Amino acid sequence: MNKLLILIVLILAIGCKSPEARRPISVKSGSFIDASVERNKTLNAKEQALIEKIMTDQKHHTYFASESGFWYYYNNKIDSDSLTTPEFGDLVNYNYSLKTLKGQLIYSIEDLKTQTYVMDKEELFTGLREGLKLMKSGETVTFLFPSQKAYGYYGDENKIGRNTPLVCEVTLNSITKNENN
């Protein structure tokens, strides 16, 4: 009986030890992430240099830098204070075309047709979504988007390749205010 009692106490003592954390089989360093960050920095610097060269060569345009990381100029600017820019939930109607930085047409206005978009409630590439927020109804603006503000790493899986910076000319036809704003 004593042996049985000792055996039970031993089993309980061994079974009640605290759990140990499992260690990974292999330790991975951040080398892939580090390499990706360096590639993106290099790509961004290259695109920045190309865009700056375009802006330098086109001195007849007054370029503005957006807070979102792209540049633009007004083809047709409306100076009226009575007109507002679109806000969250507003319906905008617009036309646009897309070109490469070298001016090669990718999609014409006819290809893309007139678009409607509910601000920040539907899918739209980052640069265009942020660019529309800067516009008033009736304005035409040309945007220079680095690839990360355009279609990024994947492109549009059609005519726009990966990591392609874009020139986008947009005409904002109308803004229908959301009654809840």
N, C-alpha and C. Protein backbone atom coordinates (compact mmCIF):
# COMPACT_ATOMS: atom_id res chain seq x y z
N MET A 1 0.81 -1.18 0.00
CA MET A 1 0.00 0.00 0.00
C MET A 1 0.86 1.26 0.00
N ASN A 2 1.96 1.23 0.75
CA ASN A 2 2.88 2.37 0.78
C ASN A 2 3.51 2.63 -0.59
N LYS A 3 3.83 1.54 -1.27
CA LYS A 3 4.43 1.70 -2.60
C LYS A 3 3.42 2.35 -3.56
N LEU A 4 2.17 1.94 -3.46
CA LEU A 4 1.13 2.49 -4.30
C LEU A 4 0.92 3.98 -3.99
N LEU A 5 0.93 4.34 -2.72
CA LEU A 5 0.76 5.72 -2.30
C LEU A 5 1.94 6.57 -2.77
N ILE A 6 3.16 6.05 -2.68
CA ILE A 6 4.35 6.77 -3.15
C ILE A 6 4.28 6.95 -4.66
N LEU A 7 3.86 5.93 -5.36
CA LEU A 7 3.75 6.00 -6.83
C LEU A 7 2.72 7.07 -7.23
N ILE A 8 1.58 7.14 -6.55
CA ILE A 8 0.56 8.14 -6.86
C ILE A 8 1.07 9.55 -6.58
N VAL A 9 1.77 9.74 -5.46
CA VAL A 9 2.33 11.05 -5.11
C VAL A 9 3.36 11.46 -6.15
N LEU A 10 4.21 10.52 -6.59
CA LEU A 10 5.22 10.82 -7.62
C LEU A 10 4.55 11.21 -8.95
N ILE A 11 3.51 10.49 -9.34
CA ILE A 11 2.81 10.81 -10.60
C ILE A 11 2.17 12.19 -10.51
N LEU A 12 1.56 12.50 -9.37
CA LEU A 12 0.95 13.81 -9.19
C LEU A 12 2.00 14.92 -9.19
N ALA A 13 3.11 14.68 -8.57
CA ALA A 13 4.17 15.69 -8.51
C ALA A 13 4.74 15.97 -9.89
N ILE A 14 4.95 14.92 -10.66
CA ILE A 14 5.50 15.09 -12.01
C ILE A 14 4.45 15.70 -12.94
N GLY A 15 3.19 15.30 -12.80
CA GLY A 15 2.12 15.79 -13.66
C GLY A 15 1.72 17.23 -13.39
N CYS A 16 2.09 17.78 -12.26
CA CYS A 16 1.67 19.14 -11.90
C CYS A 16 2.72 20.19 -12.20
N LYS A 17 3.76 19.82 -12.91
CA LYS A 17 4.76 20.85 -13.20
C LYS A 17 4.21 21.83 -14.24
N SER A 18 4.67 23.06 -14.20
CA SER A 18 4.14 24.10 -15.08
C SER A 18 4.55 23.83 -16.52
N PRO A 19 3.68 24.25 -17.46
CA PRO A 19 3.99 24.00 -18.87
C PRO A 19 5.19 24.85 -19.33
N GLU A 20 5.96 24.27 -20.22
CA GLU A 20 7.11 24.99 -20.78
C GLU A 20 6.75 25.48 -22.17
N ALA A 21 7.24 26.65 -22.49
CA ALA A 21 7.01 27.20 -23.82
C ALA A 21 7.73 26.36 -24.86
N ARG A 22 7.08 26.15 -25.98
CA ARG A 22 7.73 25.40 -27.06
C ARG A 22 8.61 26.34 -27.85
N ARG A 23 9.74 25.92 -28.20
CA ARG A 23 10.70 26.71 -28.97
C ARG A 23 10.54 26.38 -30.45
N PRO A 24 10.73 27.38 -31.32
CA PRO A 24 10.63 27.10 -32.77
C PRO A 24 11.74 26.15 -33.21
N ILE A 25 11.40 25.37 -34.21
CA ILE A 25 12.37 24.42 -34.75
C ILE A 25 13.50 25.17 -35.44
N SER A 26 13.14 26.18 -36.23
CA SER A 26 14.17 26.97 -36.89
C SER A 26 13.92 28.44 -36.59
N VAL A 27 14.96 29.18 -36.43
CA VAL A 27 14.86 30.59 -36.14
C VAL A 27 15.05 31.36 -37.44
N LYS A 28 14.05 32.19 -37.77
CA LYS A 28 14.14 32.97 -39.01
C LYS A 28 14.50 34.41 -38.65
N SER A 29 15.37 34.95 -39.42
CA SER A 29 15.72 36.35 -39.20
C SER A 29 14.80 37.22 -40.04
N GLY A 30 14.89 38.51 -39.90
CA GLY A 30 14.08 39.44 -40.68
C GLY A 30 14.72 39.77 -42.01
N SER A 31 15.57 38.90 -42.53
CA SER A 31 16.31 39.21 -43.75
C SER A 31 15.39 39.44 -44.95
N PHE A 32 14.31 38.65 -45.08
CA PHE A 32 13.39 38.85 -46.21
C PHE A 32 12.72 40.21 -46.11
N ILE A 33 12.25 40.54 -44.92
CA ILE A 33 11.59 41.84 -44.71
C ILE A 33 12.59 42.97 -44.95
N ASP A 34 13.80 42.83 -44.43
CA ASP A 34 14.82 43.86 -44.62
C ASP A 34 15.11 44.07 -46.10
N ALA A 35 15.24 42.96 -46.84
CA ALA A 35 15.51 43.06 -48.28
C ALA A 35 14.32 43.72 -49.00
N SER A 36 13.10 43.40 -48.59
CA SER A 36 11.92 43.99 -49.21
C SER A 36 11.86 45.50 -48.93
N VAL A 37 12.19 45.89 -47.73
CA VAL A 37 12.20 47.32 -47.39
C VAL A 37 13.22 48.05 -48.25
N GLU A 38 14.40 47.48 -48.42
CA GLU A 38 15.44 48.11 -49.24
C GLU A 38 15.02 48.21 -50.70
N ARG A 39 14.38 47.16 -51.24
CA ARG A 39 13.89 47.20 -52.62
C ARG A 39 12.85 48.31 -52.78
N ASN A 40 11.94 48.43 -51.81
CA ASN A 40 10.90 49.46 -51.90
C ASN A 40 11.49 50.86 -51.78
N LYS A 41 12.48 51.04 -50.93
CA LYS A 41 13.13 52.35 -50.81
C LYS A 41 13.82 52.72 -52.12
N THR A 42 14.50 51.76 -52.72
CA THR A 42 15.19 52.01 -53.99
C THR A 42 14.18 52.34 -55.09
N LEU A 43 13.10 51.57 -55.17
CA LEU A 43 12.05 51.80 -56.16
C LEU A 43 11.43 53.18 -55.95
N ASN A 44 11.12 53.52 -54.72
CA ASN A 44 10.51 54.80 -54.41
C ASN A 44 11.43 55.96 -54.80
N ALA A 45 12.73 55.84 -54.51
CA ALA A 45 13.69 56.89 -54.87
C ALA A 45 13.78 57.05 -56.39
N LYS A 46 13.77 55.94 -57.11
CA LYS A 46 13.83 55.97 -58.58
C LYS A 46 12.60 56.66 -59.16
N GLU A 47 11.41 56.29 -58.65
CA GLU A 47 10.17 56.90 -59.13
C GLU A 47 10.12 58.38 -58.76
N GLN A 48 10.59 58.72 -57.57
CA GLN A 48 10.62 60.12 -57.12
C GLN A 48 11.49 60.95 -58.07
N ALA A 49 12.64 60.40 -58.45
CA ALA A 49 13.55 61.11 -59.36
C ALA A 49 12.88 61.33 -60.72
N LEU A 50 12.19 60.31 -61.23
CA LEU A 50 11.49 60.44 -62.52
C LEU A 50 10.40 61.52 -62.46
N ILE A 51 9.64 61.52 -61.38
CA ILE A 51 8.57 62.51 -61.23
C ILE A 51 9.15 63.91 -61.08
N GLU A 52 10.22 64.04 -60.32
CA GLU A 52 10.85 65.36 -60.16
C GLU A 52 11.40 65.87 -61.49
N LYS A 53 11.93 64.97 -62.32
CA LYS A 53 12.42 65.37 -63.64
C LYS A 53 11.26 65.88 -64.51
N ILE A 54 10.13 65.19 -64.47
CA ILE A 54 8.96 65.63 -65.24
C ILE A 54 8.53 67.02 -64.77
N MET A 55 8.47 67.22 -63.46
CA MET A 55 8.04 68.51 -62.94
C MET A 55 9.02 69.62 -63.30
N THR A 56 10.31 69.30 -63.33
CA THR A 56 11.33 70.28 -63.72
C THR A 56 11.22 70.62 -65.20
N ASP A 57 10.97 69.60 -66.03
CA ASP A 57 10.85 69.81 -67.47
C ASP A 57 9.57 70.55 -67.85
N GLN A 58 8.54 70.41 -67.05
CA GLN A 58 7.25 71.04 -67.36
C GLN A 58 7.03 72.27 -66.46
N LYS A 59 7.87 73.25 -66.65
CA LYS A 59 7.80 74.46 -65.81
C LYS A 59 6.54 75.29 -66.06
N HIS A 60 5.85 75.04 -67.18
CA HIS A 60 4.62 75.78 -67.47
C HIS A 60 3.46 75.35 -66.58
N HIS A 61 3.60 74.26 -65.82
CA HIS A 61 2.58 73.82 -64.87
C HIS A 61 3.04 74.16 -63.45
N THR A 62 2.10 74.52 -62.60
CA THR A 62 2.40 74.72 -61.19
C THR A 62 1.99 73.46 -60.45
N TYR A 63 2.98 72.71 -59.98
CA TYR A 63 2.72 71.44 -59.30
C TYR A 63 2.54 71.66 -57.81
N PHE A 64 1.66 70.85 -57.24
CA PHE A 64 1.42 70.84 -55.81
C PHE A 64 1.73 69.45 -55.28
N ALA A 65 2.30 69.38 -54.09
CA ALA A 65 2.55 68.09 -53.44
C ALA A 65 1.39 67.81 -52.49
N SER A 66 0.83 66.62 -52.58
CA SER A 66 -0.27 66.26 -51.68
C SER A 66 0.31 65.71 -50.38
N GLU A 67 -0.50 65.70 -49.36
CA GLU A 67 -0.09 65.10 -48.09
C GLU A 67 -0.03 63.59 -48.21
N SER A 68 -0.65 63.04 -49.24
CA SER A 68 -0.72 61.59 -49.42
C SER A 68 0.44 61.02 -50.21
N GLY A 69 1.35 61.87 -50.72
CA GLY A 69 2.53 61.34 -51.40
C GLY A 69 2.46 61.31 -52.92
N PHE A 70 1.69 62.19 -53.52
CA PHE A 70 1.68 62.31 -54.98
C PHE A 70 1.67 63.79 -55.33
N TRP A 71 1.79 64.10 -56.63
CA TRP A 71 1.87 65.49 -57.10
C TRP A 71 0.76 65.73 -58.11
N TYR A 72 0.38 66.99 -58.26
CA TYR A 72 -0.70 67.30 -59.20
C TYR A 72 -0.64 68.76 -59.64
N TYR A 73 -1.30 69.02 -60.77
CA TYR A 73 -1.50 70.39 -61.22
C TYR A 73 -2.91 70.51 -61.79
N TYR A 74 -3.41 71.73 -61.79
CA TYR A 74 -4.77 71.99 -62.27
C TYR A 74 -4.74 72.31 -63.76
N ASN A 75 -5.51 71.57 -64.55
CA ASN A 75 -5.76 71.91 -65.95
C ASN A 75 -6.86 72.96 -66.01
N ASN A 76 -7.84 72.79 -65.12
CA ASN A 76 -8.97 73.71 -65.01
C ASN A 76 -9.31 73.83 -63.53
N LYS A 77 -9.02 75.00 -62.93
CA LYS A 77 -9.26 75.20 -61.50
C LYS A 77 -10.46 76.10 -61.30
N ILE A 78 -11.33 75.74 -60.37
CA ILE A 78 -12.50 76.53 -60.00
C ILE A 78 -12.15 77.24 -58.69
N ASP A 79 -12.16 78.58 -58.74
CA ASP A 79 -11.78 79.35 -57.55
C ASP A 79 -12.95 79.72 -56.67
N SER A 80 -14.12 79.26 -56.94
CA SER A 80 -15.31 79.62 -56.18
C SER A 80 -15.27 78.99 -54.79
N ASP A 81 -15.53 79.80 -53.77
CA ASP A 81 -15.58 79.30 -52.40
C ASP A 81 -16.90 78.59 -52.11
N SER A 82 -17.88 78.78 -52.97
CA SER A 82 -19.19 78.17 -52.72
C SER A 82 -19.19 76.68 -53.06
N LEU A 83 -18.25 76.25 -53.86
CA LEU A 83 -18.17 74.82 -54.20
C LEU A 83 -17.27 74.11 -53.19
N THR A 84 -17.66 72.90 -52.84
CA THR A 84 -16.89 72.14 -51.86
C THR A 84 -16.29 70.90 -52.50
N THR A 85 -15.38 70.29 -51.78
CA THR A 85 -14.78 69.04 -52.21
C THR A 85 -15.60 67.88 -51.64
N PRO A 86 -15.51 66.70 -52.23
CA PRO A 86 -16.30 65.57 -51.75
C PRO A 86 -15.84 65.09 -50.37
N GLU A 87 -16.80 64.58 -49.62
CA GLU A 87 -16.54 64.04 -48.29
C GLU A 87 -17.02 62.59 -48.23
N PHE A 88 -16.76 61.93 -47.13
CA PHE A 88 -17.15 60.54 -46.92
C PHE A 88 -18.62 60.33 -47.26
N GLY A 89 -18.90 59.38 -48.12
CA GLY A 89 -20.27 59.02 -48.48
C GLY A 89 -20.87 59.79 -49.65
N ASP A 90 -20.21 60.87 -50.10
CA ASP A 90 -20.72 61.63 -51.25
C ASP A 90 -20.56 60.80 -52.53
N LEU A 91 -21.47 61.00 -53.45
CA LEU A 91 -21.41 60.33 -54.76
C LEU A 91 -20.73 61.27 -55.74
N VAL A 92 -19.63 60.82 -56.35
CA VAL A 92 -18.95 61.65 -57.33
C VAL A 92 -19.06 60.99 -58.71
N ASN A 93 -19.16 61.84 -59.72
CA ASN A 93 -19.22 61.41 -61.11
C ASN A 93 -18.00 62.02 -61.79
N TYR A 94 -17.18 61.19 -62.43
CA TYR A 94 -15.93 61.68 -63.00
C TYR A 94 -15.51 60.88 -64.22
N ASN A 95 -14.60 61.47 -64.99
CA ASN A 95 -13.93 60.81 -66.11
C ASN A 95 -12.45 60.88 -65.87
N TYR A 96 -11.72 59.89 -66.36
CA TYR A 96 -10.26 59.94 -66.22
C TYR A 96 -9.57 59.09 -67.28
N SER A 97 -8.30 59.39 -67.47
CA SER A 97 -7.45 58.60 -68.36
C SER A 97 -6.16 58.30 -67.62
N LEU A 98 -5.47 57.25 -68.05
CA LEU A 98 -4.21 56.85 -67.42
C LEU A 98 -3.11 56.73 -68.46
N LYS A 99 -1.94 57.29 -68.12
CA LYS A 99 -0.76 57.21 -68.98
C LYS A 99 0.44 56.81 -68.14
N THR A 100 1.49 56.38 -68.82
CA THR A 100 2.77 56.16 -68.15
C THR A 100 3.42 57.52 -67.92
N LEU A 101 4.49 57.56 -67.14
CA LEU A 101 5.20 58.82 -66.92
C LEU A 101 5.82 59.35 -68.21
N LYS A 102 6.05 58.48 -69.18
CA LYS A 102 6.60 58.89 -70.46
C LYS A 102 5.52 59.37 -71.42
N GLY A 103 4.26 59.37 -70.98
CA GLY A 103 3.17 59.88 -71.80
C GLY A 103 2.47 58.86 -72.66
N GLN A 104 2.82 57.59 -72.55
CA GLN A 104 2.18 56.54 -73.34
C GLN A 104 0.79 56.25 -72.76
N LEU A 105 -0.24 56.37 -73.58
CA LEU A 105 -1.62 56.15 -73.15
C LEU A 105 -1.83 54.68 -72.79
N ILE A 106 -2.38 54.45 -71.60
CA ILE A 106 -2.71 53.09 -71.16
C ILE A 106 -4.22 52.88 -71.33
N TYR A 107 -5.01 53.77 -70.71
CA TYR A 107 -6.46 53.74 -70.83
C TYR A 107 -6.94 55.15 -71.16
N SER A 108 -7.74 55.29 -72.19
CA SER A 108 -8.30 56.60 -72.56
C SER A 108 -9.59 56.83 -71.76
N ILE A 109 -10.10 58.03 -71.84
CA ILE A 109 -11.38 58.36 -71.21
C ILE A 109 -12.48 57.48 -71.80
N GLU A 110 -12.39 57.23 -73.11
CA GLU A 110 -13.39 56.38 -73.77
C GLU A 110 -13.30 54.93 -73.27
N ASP A 111 -12.06 54.46 -73.02
CA ASP A 111 -11.88 53.09 -72.51
C ASP A 111 -12.52 52.94 -71.12
N LEU A 112 -12.31 53.95 -70.27
CA LEU A 112 -12.74 53.86 -68.88
C LEU A 112 -14.17 54.33 -68.64
N LYS A 113 -14.73 55.06 -69.61
CA LYS A 113 -16.11 55.55 -69.52
C LYS A 113 -16.29 56.45 -68.29
N THR A 114 -17.45 57.07 -68.17
CA THR A 114 -17.78 57.90 -67.02
C THR A 114 -17.99 57.00 -65.81
N GLN A 115 -17.39 57.38 -64.71
CA GLN A 115 -17.42 56.57 -63.48
C GLN A 115 -18.24 57.27 -62.40
N THR A 116 -18.85 56.49 -61.53
CA THR A 116 -19.45 57.02 -60.31
C THR A 116 -18.82 56.27 -59.15
N TYR A 117 -18.64 56.98 -58.07
CA TYR A 117 -17.95 56.41 -56.92
C TYR A 117 -18.51 57.01 -55.64
N VAL A 118 -18.82 56.19 -54.67
CA VAL A 118 -19.24 56.67 -53.35
C VAL A 118 -17.97 56.80 -52.53
N MET A 119 -17.65 58.03 -52.14
CA MET A 119 -16.38 58.34 -51.48
C MET A 119 -16.12 57.44 -50.27
N ASP A 120 -14.99 56.75 -50.33
CA ASP A 120 -14.48 55.89 -49.25
C ASP A 120 -15.37 54.71 -48.90
N LYS A 121 -16.33 54.39 -49.76
CA LYS A 121 -17.19 53.24 -49.48
C LYS A 121 -17.06 52.15 -50.55
N GLU A 122 -16.27 52.42 -51.59
CA GLU A 122 -16.10 51.47 -52.68
C GLU A 122 -14.61 51.34 -52.97
N GLU A 123 -14.25 50.32 -53.72
CA GLU A 123 -12.85 50.09 -54.09
C GLU A 123 -12.41 51.05 -55.19
N LEU A 124 -11.24 51.64 -54.98
CA LEU A 124 -10.64 52.53 -55.96
C LEU A 124 -9.17 52.63 -55.58
N PHE A 125 -8.28 52.71 -56.56
CA PHE A 125 -6.88 52.74 -56.18
C PHE A 125 -6.57 54.00 -55.36
N THR A 126 -5.64 53.86 -54.43
CA THR A 126 -5.38 54.85 -53.39
C THR A 126 -5.20 56.27 -53.91
N GLY A 127 -4.36 56.45 -54.90
CA GLY A 127 -4.07 57.79 -55.39
C GLY A 127 -5.31 58.48 -55.93
N LEU A 128 -6.11 57.80 -56.72
CA LEU A 128 -7.31 58.40 -57.29
C LEU A 128 -8.31 58.73 -56.20
N ARG A 129 -8.46 57.83 -55.24
CA ARG A 129 -9.38 58.08 -54.12
C ARG A 129 -8.98 59.35 -53.37
N GLU A 130 -7.68 59.50 -53.08
CA GLU A 130 -7.20 60.69 -52.37
C GLU A 130 -7.24 61.93 -53.26
N GLY A 131 -6.98 61.76 -54.55
CA GLY A 131 -7.01 62.88 -55.50
C GLY A 131 -8.40 63.47 -55.66
N LEU A 132 -9.42 62.62 -55.72
CA LEU A 132 -10.79 63.11 -55.85
C LEU A 132 -11.18 64.00 -54.67
N LYS A 133 -10.63 63.72 -53.51
CA LYS A 133 -10.94 64.51 -52.31
C LYS A 133 -10.42 65.94 -52.40
N LEU A 134 -9.50 66.19 -53.31
CA LEU A 134 -8.91 67.53 -53.48
C LEU A 134 -9.65 68.37 -54.51
N MET A 135 -10.59 67.78 -55.22
CA MET A 135 -11.20 68.43 -56.37
C MET A 135 -12.58 69.01 -56.06
N LYS A 136 -12.94 70.04 -56.83
CA LYS A 136 -14.28 70.62 -56.81
C LYS A 136 -14.96 70.22 -58.12
N SER A 137 -16.28 70.27 -58.10
CA SER A 137 -17.05 69.93 -59.28
C SER A 137 -16.68 70.87 -60.43
N GLY A 138 -16.39 70.29 -61.61
CA GLY A 138 -16.02 71.07 -62.79
C GLY A 138 -14.52 71.19 -63.00
N GLU A 139 -13.72 70.77 -62.05
CA GLU A 139 -12.26 70.89 -62.19
C GLU A 139 -11.68 69.70 -62.94
N THR A 140 -10.58 69.97 -63.63
CA THR A 140 -9.78 68.92 -64.26
C THR A 140 -8.38 69.03 -63.67
N VAL A 141 -7.87 67.91 -63.17
CA VAL A 141 -6.58 67.88 -62.51
C VAL A 141 -5.76 66.73 -63.08
N THR A 142 -4.46 66.96 -63.25
CA THR A 142 -3.55 65.90 -63.66
C THR A 142 -2.71 65.51 -62.47
N PHE A 143 -2.74 64.22 -62.13
CA PHE A 143 -2.02 63.68 -60.99
C PHE A 143 -0.83 62.85 -61.46
N LEU A 144 0.27 62.92 -60.72
CA LEU A 144 1.43 62.05 -60.94
C LEU A 144 1.51 61.12 -59.72
N PHE A 145 1.18 59.85 -59.95
CA PHE A 145 1.13 58.89 -58.86
C PHE A 145 2.34 57.96 -58.90
N PRO A 146 3.12 57.87 -57.80
CA PRO A 146 4.13 56.82 -57.73
C PRO A 146 3.40 55.47 -57.67
N SER A 147 4.08 54.40 -57.97
CA SER A 147 3.41 53.10 -58.10
C SER A 147 2.67 52.67 -56.84
N GLN A 148 3.21 53.01 -55.65
CA GLN A 148 2.52 52.57 -54.43
C GLN A 148 1.19 53.31 -54.23
N LYS A 149 0.99 54.44 -54.90
CA LYS A 149 -0.29 55.15 -54.85
C LYS A 149 -1.17 54.77 -56.03
N ALA A 150 -0.61 54.06 -56.99
CA ALA A 150 -1.36 53.61 -58.17
C ALA A 150 -1.78 52.15 -57.94
N TYR A 151 -1.32 51.25 -58.76
CA TYR A 151 -1.73 49.85 -58.65
C TYR A 151 -0.70 48.97 -57.98
N GLY A 152 0.41 49.56 -57.50
CA GLY A 152 1.36 48.85 -56.67
C GLY A 152 2.04 47.67 -57.31
N TYR A 153 2.31 46.70 -56.48
CA TYR A 153 3.10 45.53 -56.87
C TYR A 153 2.41 44.67 -57.92
N TYR A 154 1.09 44.61 -57.91
CA TYR A 154 0.39 43.68 -58.79
C TYR A 154 -0.07 44.29 -60.11
N GLY A 155 -0.13 45.60 -60.20
CA GLY A 155 -0.68 46.21 -61.40
C GLY A 155 -2.19 45.98 -61.44
N ASP A 156 -2.79 46.18 -62.59
CA ASP A 156 -4.24 45.92 -62.69
C ASP A 156 -4.51 44.56 -63.33
N GLU A 157 -3.46 43.79 -63.51
CA GLU A 157 -3.54 42.44 -64.10
C GLU A 157 -4.09 42.49 -65.53
N ASN A 158 -3.93 43.65 -66.19
CA ASN A 158 -4.36 43.79 -67.57
C ASN A 158 -3.30 44.60 -68.32
N LYS A 159 -3.48 45.92 -68.43
CA LYS A 159 -2.54 46.76 -69.18
C LYS A 159 -1.49 47.43 -68.29
N ILE A 160 -1.74 47.52 -66.99
CA ILE A 160 -0.81 48.20 -66.09
C ILE A 160 0.04 47.15 -65.39
N GLY A 161 1.35 47.24 -65.63
CA GLY A 161 2.26 46.27 -65.03
C GLY A 161 2.55 46.58 -63.57
N ARG A 162 3.32 45.70 -62.96
CA ARG A 162 3.69 45.89 -61.56
C ARG A 162 4.61 47.10 -61.41
N ASN A 163 4.46 47.77 -60.28
CA ASN A 163 5.29 48.91 -59.91
C ASN A 163 5.35 49.97 -61.02
N THR A 164 4.20 50.34 -61.56
CA THR A 164 4.13 51.33 -62.63
C THR A 164 3.58 52.65 -62.09
N PRO A 165 4.41 53.70 -62.07
CA PRO A 165 3.88 55.02 -61.71
C PRO A 165 3.00 55.53 -62.85
N LEU A 166 2.00 56.34 -62.52
CA LEU A 166 1.01 56.75 -63.51
C LEU A 166 0.79 58.26 -63.54
N VAL A 167 0.39 58.73 -64.72
CA VAL A 167 -0.14 60.08 -64.90
C VAL A 167 -1.64 59.88 -65.12
N CYS A 168 -2.43 60.55 -64.30
CA CYS A 168 -3.88 60.37 -64.33
C CYS A 168 -4.54 61.73 -64.47
N GLU A 169 -5.25 61.93 -65.59
CA GLU A 169 -5.99 63.18 -65.78
C GLU A 169 -7.45 62.92 -65.44
N VAL A 170 -7.97 63.69 -64.48
CA VAL A 170 -9.32 63.47 -63.95
C VAL A 170 -10.16 64.73 -64.11
N THR A 171 -11.39 64.55 -64.58
CA THR A 171 -12.37 65.63 -64.60
C THR A 171 -13.50 65.22 -63.65
N LEU A 172 -13.73 66.04 -62.63
CA LEU A 172 -14.81 65.78 -61.68
C LEU A 172 -16.07 66.48 -62.20
N ASN A 173 -17.02 65.67 -62.69
CA ASN A 173 -18.23 66.20 -63.31
C ASN A 173 -19.22 66.74 -62.28
N SER A 174 -19.45 65.97 -61.22
CA SER A 174 -20.42 66.40 -60.22
C SER A 174 -20.17 65.72 -58.88
N ILE A 175 -20.68 66.36 -57.84
CA ILE A 175 -20.64 65.80 -56.49
C ILE A 175 -22.08 65.85 -55.97
N THR A 176 -22.61 64.69 -55.58
CA THR A 176 -23.92 64.63 -54.95
C THR A 176 -23.68 64.38 -53.47
N LYS A 177 -24.04 65.37 -52.68
CA LYS A 177 -23.78 65.29 -51.24
C LYS A 177 -24.62 64.20 -50.60
N ASN A 178 -24.01 63.49 -49.66
CA ASN A 178 -24.70 62.49 -48.86
C ASN A 178 -25.51 63.25 -47.82
N GLU A 179 -26.80 62.99 -47.72
CA GLU A 179 -27.67 63.72 -46.80
C GLU A 179 -27.28 63.48 -45.34
N ASN A 180 -26.57 62.40 -45.03
CA ASN A 180 -26.19 62.09 -43.65
C ASN A 180 -24.97 62.86 -43.20
N ASN A 181 -24.28 63.55 -44.13
CA ASN A 181 -23.06 64.31 -43.74
C ASN A 181 -23.42 65.61 -43.07
